[in-house]
Amino acid sequence: MKRVNALQLRQSLGKVIAGLEKTGEPILLEKGRRPVGVIVSLRDFQERFVERAAAEARTKLIEEMDRLATTSADPTPVVDVLRDLRGEA
């Protein structure tokens, strides 16, 4: 993994971004020789965070739909319930 300190990043941001676009390899950002963050490509960010969050939301929605789709304890046919709601005999 490539390492860049804060001063190098300020002085050559364009070069760092170009390298990131070219290789896609994450860049470790250091401040005073202490790691403080990581710069990742947009593709990596989307794969690791955005798509994962969307997948979790889909899973939660499916679980909720399954919970709502459980059969009712009331044996009355749906057609009869709708007729009652409409006031039909």
Protein backbone atom coordinates (compact mmCIF):
# COMPACT_ATOMS: atom_id res chain seq x y z
CA MET A 1 0.00 0.00 0.00
CA LYS A 2 1.32 3.41 -0.95
CA ARG A 3 1.83 5.88 1.91
CA VAL A 4 1.41 9.64 1.63
CA ASN A 5 1.81 12.18 4.39
CA ALA A 6 -0.35 15.28 4.72
CA LEU A 7 2.35 17.60 3.33
CA GLN A 8 2.87 15.42 0.24
CA LEU A 9 -0.87 15.29 -0.27
CA ARG A 10 -1.18 19.10 -0.15
CA GLN A 11 1.77 19.59 -2.50
CA SER A 12 0.79 16.99 -5.08
CA LEU A 13 -2.90 16.21 -4.80
CA GLY A 14 -3.29 15.91 -8.57
CA LYS A 15 -0.49 13.36 -8.78
CA VAL A 16 -1.91 11.33 -5.89
CA ILE A 17 -5.37 11.30 -7.52
CA ALA A 18 -3.91 10.29 -10.88
CA GLY A 19 -2.07 7.39 -9.23
CA LEU A 20 -5.24 6.31 -7.47
CA GLU A 21 -7.20 6.35 -10.73
CA LYS A 22 -4.46 4.43 -12.53
CA THR A 23 -3.81 1.66 -10.01
CA GLY A 24 -6.93 1.65 -7.85
CA GLU A 25 -4.69 0.78 -4.90
CA PRO A 26 -5.72 2.37 -1.58
CA ILE A 27 -3.41 5.08 -0.24
CA LEU A 28 -2.56 5.28 3.45
CA LEU A 29 -2.69 8.88 4.65
CA GLU A 30 -0.27 9.73 7.47
CA LYS A 31 0.17 12.73 9.70
CA GLY A 32 3.51 12.85 11.44
CA ARG A 33 4.22 9.20 10.57
CA ARG A 34 0.97 8.19 12.22
CA PRO A 35 -1.72 6.61 10.01
CA VAL A 36 -4.88 8.73 10.09
CA GLY A 37 -6.91 7.55 7.12
CA VAL A 38 -7.11 5.77 3.82
CA ILE A 39 -7.96 7.15 0.41
CA VAL A 40 -9.79 4.62 -1.76
CA SER A 41 -11.05 4.68 -5.32
CA LEU A 42 -14.70 5.44 -5.99
CA ARG A 43 -15.20 1.88 -7.24
CA ASP A 44 -13.84 0.40 -4.00
CA PHE A 45 -15.97 2.78 -1.94
CA GLN A 46 -19.12 1.80 -3.81
CA GLU A 47 -18.38 -1.93 -3.59
CA ARG A 48 -17.53 -1.87 0.10
CA PHE A 49 -19.96 0.65 1.50
CA VAL A 50 -22.73 1.85 -0.81
CA GLU A 51 -23.65 -1.53 -2.30
CA ARG A 52 -23.35 -3.24 1.08
CA ALA A 53 -25.73 -0.72 2.66
CA ALA A 54 -28.20 -1.22 -0.21
CA ALA A 55 -27.98 -5.00 0.18
CA GLU A 56 -28.66 -4.70 3.91
CA ALA A 57 -31.67 -2.47 3.20
CA ARG A 58 -32.99 -5.01 0.66
CA THR A 59 -32.57 -7.84 3.16
CA LYS A 60 -34.43 -5.87 5.82
CA LEU A 61 -37.25 -5.09 3.37
CA ILE A 62 -37.56 -8.75 2.35
CA GLU A 63 -37.68 -9.83 5.99
CA GLU A 64 -40.43 -7.28 6.66
CA MET A 65 -42.38 -8.47 3.61
CA ASP A 66 -42.05 -12.09 4.76
CA ARG A 67 -43.29 -11.11 8.21
CA LEU A 68 -46.31 -9.36 6.72
CA ALA A 69 -47.05 -12.24 4.35
CA THR A 70 -47.66 -14.78 7.10
CA THR A 71 -51.06 -16.39 6.91
CA SER A 72 -53.84 -14.94 8.98
CA ALA A 73 -55.49 -16.88 11.81
CA ASP A 74 -58.85 -15.67 10.48
CA PRO A 75 -60.24 -18.32 8.07
CA THR A 76 -62.64 -15.84 6.38
CA PRO A 77 -61.94 -15.68 2.64
CA VAL A 78 -60.53 -12.37 1.41
CA VAL A 79 -63.45 -11.90 -0.98
CA ASP A 80 -65.89 -12.00 1.93
CA VAL A 81 -63.83 -9.48 3.91
CA LEU A 82 -63.78 -7.10 0.93
CA ARG A 83 -67.54 -7.46 0.46
CA ASP A 84 -68.08 -6.66 4.15
CA LEU A 85 -65.87 -3.56 3.84
CA ARG A 86 -67.82 -2.38 0.81
CA GLY A 87 -71.14 -3.02 2.52
CA GLU A 88 -72.17 -5.64 0.01
CA ALA A 89 -74.23 -8.60 1.10
